[in-house]
Amino acid sequence: MKIGIVSDTHDLLRREVITHLEGCDCILHAGDICSRDILERLEQIAPVKAVRGNNDRGWADSLPLFLDFELGGLRFYMTHKKSDLPRNLDPYDLVIFGHSHQYASDWPETAGKRRTLLLNPGSCGPRRFLQPVTMAILTIEPDGWTAKRTEIPHAPREKAPKADSGDIRKQIEVIVRDTDRGLSVQAIAQKRGFDPALVEQIARLYVTHPGVTADGIMTKLGLLGKL
């Protein structure tokens, strides 16, 4: 059984992603789909299970915030944000989330005997910062299963919209100051003319990592040392 795992398409379904998904028995989408059209196009390839992301509004109100299901003999839990995962992961074989746009695969230590894979397929939508464009392919066979990271090539000229890498540290410092003043993501973006997605990600990292510096945020974004 072959399962395609994607997240954070943000209203962009790349031709290369479609190619990797062809032949899949099921597609899992961990949120921030951003349009019904993306789901409909995915459903033409294979049955889809999807959860609602923080950027899925209006049209996506009927989508669940999390899913707990079995597929191919494995038990899954899927939600958009890692912070919304259940505290006890022992019952699950795979726990899938998105939101950060960064691929992650981890086998955390748990008190139970079952091993659980925490998987973030990254983003296969618009490229953000200097991060790669990624998804995952899960293969389930009689003797076991594997989840493989799949990187999607992009044009060298493709850049994240409205994210000036040469001035990113100053943008981070401004966003941190405005966050400390109690301004919302929308207010900061409007006031400073920044990309709302950029503001949201930086503000979230700052709030969830007390004491983090601008360099620390850049490291978490995969930017430090690459500018």
C-alpha atoms as a PDB file:
ATOM      1  CA  MET A   1       0.000   0.000   0.000  1.00  0.00           C
ATOM      2  CA  LYS A   2       1.317   3.431  -0.974  1.00  0.00           C
ATOM      3  CA  ILE A   3       0.209   6.574   0.866  1.00  0.00           C
ATOM      4  CA  GLY A   4       1.135  10.139  -0.042  1.00  0.00           C
ATOM      5  CA  ILE A   5       1.564  12.540   2.884  1.00  0.00           C
ATOM      6  CA  VAL A   6       1.507  16.284   2.229  1.00  0.00           C
ATOM      7  CA  SER A   7       0.922  19.501   4.131  1.00  0.00           C
ATOM      8  CA  ASP A   8       0.827  23.272   3.718  1.00  0.00           C
ATOM      9  CA  THR A   9       0.058  23.363   0.007  1.00  0.00           C
ATOM     10  CA  HIS A  10      -1.281  26.919   0.454  1.00  0.00           C
ATOM     11  CA  ASP A  11      -3.327  26.777  -2.749  1.00  0.00           C
ATOM     12  CA  LEU A  12      -0.437  25.455  -4.859  1.00  0.00           C
ATOM     13  CA  LEU A  13      -0.424  21.898  -6.193  1.00  0.00           C
ATOM     14  CA  ARG A  14       2.845  21.431  -8.058  1.00  0.00           C
ATOM     15  CA  ARG A  15       3.060  19.176 -11.107  1.00  0.00           C
ATOM     16  CA  GLU A  16       5.929  17.266  -9.474  1.00  0.00           C
ATOM     17  CA  VAL A  17       3.796  16.621  -6.382  1.00  0.00           C
ATOM     18  CA  ILE A  18       1.016  15.216  -8.545  1.00  0.00           C
ATOM     19  CA  THR A  19       3.540  12.915 -10.226  1.00  0.00           C
ATOM     20  CA  HIS A  20       4.682  11.523  -6.858  1.00  0.00           C
ATOM     21  CA  LEU A  21       1.078  11.054  -5.719  1.00  0.00           C
ATOM     22  CA  GLU A  22      -0.017   9.148  -8.805  1.00  0.00           C
ATOM     23  CA  GLY A  23      -0.402   5.479  -7.955  1.00  0.00           C
ATOM     24  CA  CYS A  24      -1.070   6.175  -4.260  1.00  0.00           C
ATOM     25  CA  ASP A  25      -3.907   4.308  -2.582  1.00  0.00           C
ATOM     26  CA  CYS A  26      -4.623   7.245  -0.273  1.00  0.00           C
ATOM     27  CA  ILE A  27      -3.466  10.837   0.302  1.00  0.00           C
ATOM     28  CA  LEU A  28      -3.134  12.433   3.735  1.00  0.00           C
ATOM     29  CA  HIS A  29      -3.117  16.242   3.977  1.00  0.00           C
ATOM     30  CA  ALA A  30      -2.104  17.821   7.307  1.00  0.00           C
ATOM     31  CA  GLY A  31      -3.753  21.198   6.732  1.00  0.00           C
ATOM     32  CA  ASP A  32      -3.271  24.700   5.329  1.00  0.00           C
ATOM     33  CA  ILE A  33      -4.817  23.546   2.078  1.00  0.00           C
ATOM     34  CA  CYS A  34      -6.240  27.013   1.440  1.00  0.00           C
ATOM     35  CA  SER A  35      -8.797  26.153  -1.248  1.00  0.00           C
ATOM     36  CA  ARG A  36     -11.412  23.528  -2.029  1.00  0.00           C
ATOM     37  CA  ASP A  37      -9.941  23.212  -5.519  1.00  0.00           C
ATOM     38  CA  ILE A  38      -6.754  21.633  -4.102  1.00  0.00           C
ATOM     39  CA  LEU A  39      -8.763  18.942  -2.307  1.00  0.00           C
ATOM     40  CA  GLU A  40     -10.860  18.239  -5.386  1.00  0.00           C
ATOM     41  CA  ARG A  41      -7.746  17.839  -7.539  1.00  0.00           C
ATOM     42  CA  LEU A  42      -6.180  15.498  -4.978  1.00  0.00           C
ATOM     43  CA  GLU A  43      -9.386  13.448  -4.809  1.00  0.00           C
ATOM     44  CA  GLN A  44      -9.080  12.840  -8.548  1.00  0.00           C
ATOM     45  CA  ILE A  45      -5.807  11.023  -7.793  1.00  0.00           C
ATOM     46  CA  ALA A  46      -6.813   8.985  -4.714  1.00  0.00           C
ATOM     47  CA  PRO A  47      -9.103   9.104  -1.663  1.00  0.00           C
ATOM     48  CA  VAL A  48      -8.076  11.943   0.657  1.00  0.00           C
ATOM     49  CA  LYS A  49      -8.058  12.342   4.427  1.00  0.00           C
ATOM     50  CA  ALA A  50      -7.463  15.963   5.460  1.00  0.00           C
ATOM     51  CA  VAL A  51      -7.511  18.154   8.553  1.00  0.00           C
ATOM     52  CA  ARG A  52      -8.121  21.881   8.820  1.00  0.00           C
ATOM     53  CA  GLY A  53      -5.130  24.213   9.198  1.00  0.00           C
ATOM     54  CA  ASN A  54      -5.032  27.699  10.691  1.00  0.00           C
ATOM     55  CA  ASN A  55      -5.275  29.186   7.174  1.00  0.00           C
ATOM     56  CA  ASP A  56      -8.259  27.035   6.184  1.00  0.00           C
ATOM     57  CA  ARG A  57     -11.301  29.208   6.790  1.00  0.00           C
ATOM     58  CA  GLY A  58     -14.864  29.468   5.560  1.00  0.00           C
ATOM     59  CA  TRP A  59     -14.945  26.760   2.903  1.00  0.00           C
ATOM     60  CA  ALA A  60     -13.054  24.383   5.247  1.00  0.00           C
ATOM     61  CA  ASP A  61     -15.290  24.682   8.322  1.00  0.00           C
ATOM     62  CA  SER A  62     -16.503  21.120   7.804  1.00  0.00           C
ATOM     63  CA  LEU A  63     -12.985  19.694   7.887  1.00  0.00           C
ATOM     64  CA  PRO A  64     -11.965  18.179  11.252  1.00  0.00           C
ATOM     65  CA  LEU A  65      -9.195  19.660  13.374  1.00  0.00           C
ATOM     66  CA  PHE A  66      -7.813  16.157  13.946  1.00  0.00           C
ATOM     67  CA  LEU A  67      -8.287  12.615  12.683  1.00  0.00           C
ATOM     68  CA  ASP A  68      -7.768   9.302  14.493  1.00  0.00           C
ATOM     69  CA  PHE A  69      -8.000   6.415  12.049  1.00  0.00           C
ATOM     70  CA  GLU A  70      -6.611   3.071  10.879  1.00  0.00           C
ATOM     71  CA  LEU A  71      -5.196   2.465   7.434  1.00  0.00           C
ATOM     72  CA  GLY A  72      -3.260  -0.476   6.046  1.00  0.00           C
ATOM     73  CA  GLY A  73      -3.120  -2.092   9.477  1.00  0.00           C
ATOM     74  CA  LEU A  74      -1.567   1.020  11.089  1.00  0.00           C
ATOM     75  CA  ARG A  75      -3.145   3.507  13.458  1.00  0.00           C
ATOM     76  CA  PHE A  76      -2.763   7.203  12.621  1.00  0.00           C
ATOM     77  CA  TYR A  77      -3.338  10.512  14.359  1.00  0.00           C
ATOM     78  CA  MET A  78      -3.239  13.655  12.238  1.00  0.00           C
ATOM     79  CA  THR A  79      -3.609  17.351  13.079  1.00  0.00           C
ATOM     80  CA  HIS A  80      -2.118  20.577  11.731  1.00  0.00           C
ATOM     81  CA  LYS A  81      -0.100  21.885  14.667  1.00  0.00           C
ATOM     82  CA  LYS A  82       2.311  19.839  16.739  1.00  0.00           C
ATOM     83  CA  SER A  83       1.105  21.685  19.841  1.00  0.00           C
ATOM     84  CA  ASP A  84      -2.319  20.053  19.355  1.00  0.00           C
ATOM     85  CA  LEU A  85      -1.057  16.465  19.507  1.00  0.00           C
ATOM     86  CA  PRO A  86      -2.371  14.218  22.285  1.00  0.00           C
ATOM     87  CA  ARG A  87      -0.101  13.758  25.293  1.00  0.00           C
ATOM     88  CA  ASN A  88      -0.160   9.976  24.981  1.00  0.00           C
ATOM     89  CA  LEU A  89       1.173   8.859  21.607  1.00  0.00           C
ATOM     90  CA  ASP A  90       1.560   5.194  22.530  1.00  0.00           C
ATOM     91  CA  PRO A  91      -1.611   3.981  20.736  1.00  0.00           C
ATOM     92  CA  TYR A  92      -0.402   5.246  17.355  1.00  0.00           C
ATOM     93  CA  ASP A  93       2.013   3.990  14.732  1.00  0.00           C
ATOM     94  CA  LEU A  94       2.220   7.334  12.927  1.00  0.00           C
ATOM     95  CA  VAL A  95       1.439  10.826  14.186  1.00  0.00           C
ATOM     96  CA  ILE A  96       1.309  13.403  11.407  1.00  0.00           C
ATOM     97  CA  PHE A  97       1.339  17.198  11.647  1.00  0.00           C
ATOM     98  CA  GLY A  98       2.424  20.202   9.588  1.00  0.00           C
ATOM     99  CA  HIS A  99       2.415  23.995  10.044  1.00  0.00           C
ATOM    100  CA  SER A 100       6.165  24.633  10.398  1.00  0.00           C
ATOM    101  CA  HIS A 101       6.991  24.032   6.694  1.00  0.00           C
ATOM    102  CA  GLN A 102       9.990  22.004   7.877  1.00  0.00           C
ATOM    103  CA  TYR A 103      10.329  18.260   7.322  1.00  0.00           C
ATOM    104  CA  ALA A 104      10.763  16.311  10.565  1.00  0.00           C
ATOM    105  CA  SER A 105      10.858  12.606  11.363  1.00  0.00           C
ATOM    106  CA  ASP A 106      11.361  11.415  14.918  1.00  0.00           C
ATOM    107  CA  TRP A 107      10.871   8.349  17.106  1.00  0.00           C
ATOM    108  CA  PRO A 108      10.404   9.829  20.613  1.00  0.00           C
ATOM    109  CA  GLU A 109      10.906   7.762  23.726  1.00  0.00           C
ATOM    110  CA  THR A 110       7.628   6.763  25.330  1.00  0.00           C
ATOM    111  CA  ALA A 111       6.578   4.784  28.350  1.00  0.00           C
ATOM    112  CA  GLY A 112       4.725   2.251  26.206  1.00  0.00           C
ATOM    113  CA  LYS A 113       6.140  -0.617  24.198  1.00  0.00           C
ATOM    114  CA  ARG A 114       4.815   0.569  20.822  1.00  0.00           C
ATOM    115  CA  ARG A 115       7.115   2.827  18.782  1.00  0.00           C
ATOM    116  CA  THR A 116       5.470   5.873  17.267  1.00  0.00           C
ATOM    117  CA  LEU A 117       6.792   7.884  14.319  1.00  0.00           C
ATOM    118  CA  LEU A 118       6.208  11.641  14.534  1.00  0.00           C
ATOM    119  CA  LEU A 119       6.182  12.905  10.973  1.00  0.00           C
ATOM    120  CA  ASN A 120       5.969  16.406   9.514  1.00  0.00           C
ATOM    121  CA  PRO A 121       6.093  16.160   5.705  1.00  0.00           C
ATOM    122  CA  GLY A 122       7.080  19.831   5.429  1.00  0.00           C
ATOM    123  CA  SER A 123       5.487  22.051   2.799  1.00  0.00           C
ATOM    124  CA  CYS A 124       5.047  21.187  -0.868  1.00  0.00           C
ATOM    125  CA  GLY A 125       3.318  24.489  -1.625  1.00  0.00           C
ATOM    126  CA  PRO A 126       4.972  27.890  -2.099  1.00  0.00           C
ATOM    127  CA  ARG A 127       8.596  27.886  -1.000  1.00  0.00           C
ATOM    128  CA  ARG A 128       9.230  29.772   2.255  1.00  0.00           C
ATOM    129  CA  PHE A 129      12.595  31.308   3.152  1.00  0.00           C
ATOM    130  CA  LEU A 130      15.424  28.970   2.084  1.00  0.00           C
ATOM    131  CA  GLN A 131      13.578  25.809   3.092  1.00  0.00           C
ATOM    132  CA  PRO A 132      13.267  22.875   0.683  1.00  0.00           C
ATOM    133  CA  VAL A 133       9.930  21.807  -0.788  1.00  0.00           C
ATOM    134  CA  THR A 134       9.063  18.392   0.632  1.00  0.00           C
ATOM    135  CA  MET A 135       6.452  15.682   1.109  1.00  0.00           C
ATOM    136  CA  ALA A 136       6.541  12.045   2.247  1.00  0.00           C
ATOM    137  CA  ILE A 137       5.614   8.691   0.764  1.00  0.00           C
ATOM    138  CA  LEU A 138       4.568   5.921   3.137  1.00  0.00           C
ATOM    139  CA  THR A 139       4.894   2.345   1.900  1.00  0.00           C
ATOM    140  CA  ILE A 140       3.166  -0.450   3.835  1.00  0.00           C
ATOM    141  CA  GLU A 141       4.194  -4.025   3.035  1.00  0.00           C
ATOM    142  CA  PRO A 142       3.487  -7.380   4.727  1.00  0.00           C
ATOM    143  CA  ASP A 143       6.853  -7.331   6.483  1.00  0.00           C
ATOM    144  CA  GLY A 144       6.774  -3.705   7.654  1.00  0.00           C
ATOM    145  CA  TRP A 145       6.442  -0.069   6.602  1.00  0.00           C
ATOM    146  CA  THR A 146       8.670   2.893   5.747  1.00  0.00           C
ATOM    147  CA  ALA A 147       8.141   6.627   5.392  1.00  0.00           C
ATOM    148  CA  LYS A 148      10.428   8.260   2.834  1.00  0.00           C
ATOM    149  CA  ARG A 149      11.218  11.970   2.598  1.00  0.00           C
ATOM    150  CA  THR A 150      10.666  13.261  -0.912  1.00  0.00           C
ATOM    151  CA  GLU A 151      12.140  16.606  -1.961  1.00  0.00           C
ATOM    152  CA  ILE A 152      10.487  18.465  -4.808  1.00  0.00           C
ATOM    153  CA  PRO A 153      12.852  20.348  -7.144  1.00  0.00           C
ATOM    154  CA  HIS A 154      12.129  24.023  -7.695  1.00  0.00           C
ATOM    155  CA  ALA A 155      13.471  26.638 -10.048  1.00  0.00           C
ATOM    156  CA  PRO A 156      16.633  28.370  -8.732  1.00  0.00           C
ATOM    157  CA  ARG A 157      14.903  31.705  -9.168  1.00  0.00           C
ATOM    158  CA  GLU A 158      11.957  30.663  -6.986  1.00  0.00           C
ATOM    159  CA  LYS A 159      11.951  32.700  -3.811  1.00  0.00           C
ATOM    160  CA  ALA A 160       9.621  33.018  -0.871  1.00  0.00           C
ATOM    161  CA  PRO A 161       7.290  35.970  -1.478  1.00  0.00           C
ATOM    162  CA  LYS A 162       7.984  39.171   0.451  1.00  0.00           C
ATOM    163  CA  ALA A 163      10.767  37.647   2.540  1.00  0.00           C
ATOM    164  CA  ASP A 164      13.932  39.707   2.041  1.00  0.00           C
ATOM    165  CA  SER A 165      16.647  37.335   3.294  1.00  0.00           C
ATOM    166  CA  GLY A 166      19.218  40.143   3.392  1.00  0.00           C
ATOM    167  CA  ASP A 167      17.171  42.031   5.960  1.00  0.00           C
ATOM    168  CA  ILE A 168      15.457  39.138   7.735  1.00  0.00           C
ATOM    169  CA  ARG A 169      17.176  39.735  11.087  1.00  0.00           C
ATOM    170  CA  LYS A 170      15.828  43.293  11.247  1.00  0.00           C
ATOM    171  CA  GLN A 171      12.363  42.049  10.324  1.00  0.00           C
ATOM    172  CA  ILE A 172      12.530  39.477  13.108  1.00  0.00           C
ATOM    173  CA  GLU A 173      13.603  42.105  15.649  1.00  0.00           C
ATOM    174  CA  VAL A 174      10.739  44.396  14.610  1.00  0.00           C
ATOM    175  CA  ILE A 175       8.185  41.576  14.791  1.00  0.00           C
ATOM    176  CA  VAL A 176       9.476  40.544  18.237  1.00  0.00           C
ATOM    177  CA  ARG A 177       9.157  44.114  19.537  1.00  0.00           C
ATOM    178  CA  ASP A 178       5.654  44.495  18.152  1.00  0.00           C
ATOM    179  CA  THR A 179       4.655  41.118  19.613  1.00  0.00           C
ATOM    180  CA  ASP A 180       5.910  42.267  23.030  1.00  0.00           C
ATOM    181  CA  ARG A 181       3.711  45.353  22.640  1.00  0.00           C
ATOM    182  CA  GLY A 182       0.694  43.088  22.254  1.00  0.00           C
ATOM    183  CA  LEU A 183       0.056  43.656  18.540  1.00  0.00           C
ATOM    184  CA  SER A 184      -1.650  40.873  16.607  1.00  0.00           C
ATOM    185  CA  VAL A 185      -0.124  39.161  13.589  1.00  0.00           C
ATOM    186  CA  GLN A 186      -2.563  40.981  11.314  1.00  0.00           C
ATOM    187  CA  ALA A 187      -1.775  44.354  12.911  1.00  0.00           C
ATOM    188  CA  ILE A 188       1.990  43.839  12.582  1.00  0.00           C
ATOM    189  CA  ALA A 189       1.721  42.750   8.955  1.00  0.00           C
ATOM    190  CA  GLN A 190      -0.442  45.728   8.071  1.00  0.00           C
ATOM    191  CA  LYS A 191       1.638  48.236  10.014  1.00  0.00           C
ATOM    192  CA  ARG A 192       5.014  47.055   8.685  1.00  0.00           C
ATOM    193  CA  GLY A 193       4.032  45.864   5.223  1.00  0.00           C
ATOM    194  CA  PHE A 194       5.338  42.358   5.971  1.00  0.00           C
ATOM    195  CA  ASP A 195       4.045  39.070   4.619  1.00  0.00           C
ATOM    196  CA  PRO A 196       1.417  37.848   7.163  1.00  0.00           C
ATOM    197  CA  ALA A 197       2.736  34.273   6.872  1.00  0.00           C
ATOM    198  CA  LEU A 198       6.224  35.500   7.784  1.00  0.00           C
ATOM    199  CA  VAL A 199       4.892  37.457  10.773  1.00  0.00           C
ATOM    200  CA  GLU A 200       2.820  34.505  11.971  1.00  0.00           C
ATOM    201  CA  GLN A 201       5.737  32.082  11.884  1.00  0.00           C
ATOM    202  CA  ILE A 202       8.190  34.417  13.634  1.00  0.00           C
ATOM    203  CA  ALA A 203       5.679  35.482  16.286  1.00  0.00           C
ATOM    204  CA  ARG A 204       4.788  31.849  16.970  1.00  0.00           C
ATOM    205  CA  LEU A 205       8.430  30.853  17.387  1.00  0.00           C
ATOM    206  CA  TYR A 206       9.028  33.806  19.711  1.00  0.00           C
ATOM    207  CA  VAL A 207       5.999  33.064  21.890  1.00  0.00           C
ATOM    208  CA  THR A 208       6.589  29.306  22.101  1.00  0.00           C
ATOM    209  CA  HIS A 209      10.327  29.595  22.812  1.00  0.00           C
ATOM    210  CA  PRO A 210      10.726  32.071  25.710  1.00  0.00           C
ATOM    211  CA  GLY A 211      14.054  33.891  25.635  1.00  0.00           C
ATOM    212  CA  VAL A 212      14.843  32.972  22.035  1.00  0.00           C
ATOM    213  CA  THR A 213      16.986  35.541  20.200  1.00  0.00           C
ATOM    214  CA  ALA A 214      16.745  36.777  16.615  1.00  0.00           C
ATOM    215  CA  ASP A 215      19.618  34.430  15.731  1.00  0.00           C
ATOM    216  CA  GLY A 216      17.783  31.596  17.473  1.00  0.00           C
ATOM    217  CA  ILE A 217      14.685  32.243  15.395  1.00  0.00           C
ATOM    218  CA  MET A 218      16.799  32.362  12.248  1.00  0.00           C
ATOM    219  CA  THR A 219      18.324  29.015  13.176  1.00  0.00           C
ATOM    220  CA  LYS A 220      14.893  27.454  13.623  1.00  0.00           C
ATOM    221  CA  LEU A 221      13.872  28.861  10.238  1.00  0.00           C
ATOM    222  CA  GLY A 222      16.958  27.299   8.669  1.00  0.00           C
ATOM    223  CA  LEU A 223      18.369  30.696   7.720  1.00  0.00           C
ATOM    224  CA  LEU A 224      21.401  31.262   9.949  1.00  0.00           C
ATOM    225  CA  GLY A 225      24.632  30.754   8.051  1.00  0.00           C
ATOM    226  CA  LYS A 226      22.858  30.618   4.675  1.00  0.00           C
ATOM    227  CA  LEU A 227      22.317  34.318   4.019  1.00  0.00           C
END
